[in-house]
């Protein structure tokens, strides 16, 4: 049985790890943006006030 291990940005692996590093970085950026958006919505509440007014 051959056991393959994914390495991040290893040149001898012909850049096999670069895809997973990119996916990881995009995922982290998305989570940070989502958390920041939720935090701002909790602080600002501008849109909530606009929706309540007739």
C-alpha atoms as a PDB file:
ATOM      1  CA  UNK A   1       0.000   0.000   0.000  1.00  0.00           C
ATOM      2  CA  UNK A   2       1.347   3.420  -0.957  1.00  0.00           C
ATOM      3  CA  UNK A   3       0.660   6.218   1.455  1.00  0.00           C
ATOM      4  CA  UNK A   4       0.591   9.701  -0.056  1.00  0.00           C
ATOM      5  CA  UNK A   5       0.794  12.787   2.081  1.00  0.00           C
ATOM      6  CA  UNK A   6      -0.280  16.199   0.780  1.00  0.00           C
ATOM      7  CA  UNK A   7       2.405  18.804   1.382  1.00  0.00           C
ATOM      8  CA  UNK A   8       1.736  22.519   1.158  1.00  0.00           C
ATOM      9  CA  UNK A   9       3.867  24.259  -1.492  1.00  0.00           C
ATOM     10  CA  UNK A  10       6.500  21.565  -1.940  1.00  0.00           C
ATOM     11  CA  UNK A  11       8.352  21.995  -5.240  1.00  0.00           C
ATOM     12  CA  UNK A  12       9.316  18.324  -5.540  1.00  0.00           C
ATOM     13  CA  UNK A  13       5.627  17.339  -5.501  1.00  0.00           C
ATOM     14  CA  UNK A  14       5.022  19.323  -8.718  1.00  0.00           C
ATOM     15  CA  UNK A  15       2.855  21.889  -6.908  1.00  0.00           C
ATOM     16  CA  UNK A  16       0.286  19.345  -5.730  1.00  0.00           C
ATOM     17  CA  UNK A  17      -0.070  21.189  -2.433  1.00  0.00           C
ATOM     18  CA  UNK A  18      -0.676  24.637  -3.898  1.00  0.00           C
ATOM     19  CA  UNK A  19      -4.332  23.910  -4.636  1.00  0.00           C
ATOM     20  CA  UNK A  20      -5.116  22.976  -1.063  1.00  0.00           C
ATOM     21  CA  UNK A  21      -3.225  26.036   0.191  1.00  0.00           C
ATOM     22  CA  UNK A  22      -5.301  28.259  -2.087  1.00  0.00           C
ATOM     23  CA  UNK A  23      -8.518  26.637  -0.912  1.00  0.00           C
ATOM     24  CA  UNK A  24      -7.431  27.089   2.695  1.00  0.00           C
ATOM     25  CA  UNK A  25      -6.613  30.774   2.214  1.00  0.00           C
ATOM     26  CA  UNK A  26      -9.905  31.492   0.417  1.00  0.00           C
ATOM     27  CA  UNK A  27     -11.808  29.673   3.156  1.00  0.00           C
ATOM     28  CA  UNK A  28     -10.080  31.672   5.882  1.00  0.00           C
ATOM     29  CA  UNK A  29     -10.756  34.941   4.033  1.00  0.00           C
ATOM     30  CA  UNK A  30     -14.439  34.028   3.609  1.00  0.00           C
ATOM     31  CA  UNK A  31     -14.836  33.183   7.283  1.00  0.00           C
ATOM     32  CA  UNK A  32     -13.130  36.415   8.349  1.00  0.00           C
ATOM     33  CA  UNK A  33     -15.383  38.472   6.047  1.00  0.00           C
ATOM     34  CA  UNK A  34     -18.513  36.692   7.282  1.00  0.00           C
ATOM     35  CA  UNK A  35     -17.589  37.231  10.926  1.00  0.00           C
ATOM     36  CA  UNK A  36     -16.799  40.889  10.239  1.00  0.00           C
ATOM     37  CA  UNK A  37     -20.166  41.347   8.463  1.00  0.00           C
ATOM     38  CA  UNK A  38     -22.083  39.764  11.334  1.00  0.00           C
ATOM     39  CA  UNK A  39     -20.188  41.901  13.848  1.00  0.00           C
ATOM     40  CA  UNK A  40     -20.942  45.091  11.911  1.00  0.00           C
ATOM     41  CA  UNK A  41     -24.625  44.189  11.574  1.00  0.00           C
ATOM     42  CA  UNK A  42     -24.817  43.688  15.322  1.00  0.00           C
ATOM     43  CA  UNK A  43     -23.190  47.070  15.979  1.00  0.00           C
ATOM     44  CA  UNK A  44     -24.769  49.219  13.274  1.00  0.00           C
ATOM     45  CA  UNK A  45     -28.431  48.031  12.976  1.00  0.00           C
ATOM     46  CA  UNK A  46     -29.009  50.674  10.253  1.00  0.00           C
ATOM     47  CA  UNK A  47     -30.855  48.271   7.950  1.00  0.00           C
ATOM     48  CA  UNK A  48     -32.935  46.943  10.838  1.00  0.00           C
ATOM     49  CA  UNK A  49     -34.165  50.471  11.595  1.00  0.00           C
ATOM     50  CA  UNK A  50     -34.924  51.051   7.891  1.00  0.00           C
ATOM     51  CA  UNK A  51     -37.008  47.852   7.661  1.00  0.00           C
ATOM     52  CA  UNK A  52     -39.046  48.646  10.777  1.00  0.00           C
ATOM     53  CA  UNK A  53     -40.121  52.118   9.595  1.00  0.00           C
ATOM     54  CA  UNK A  54     -43.248  52.204   7.403  1.00  0.00           C
END
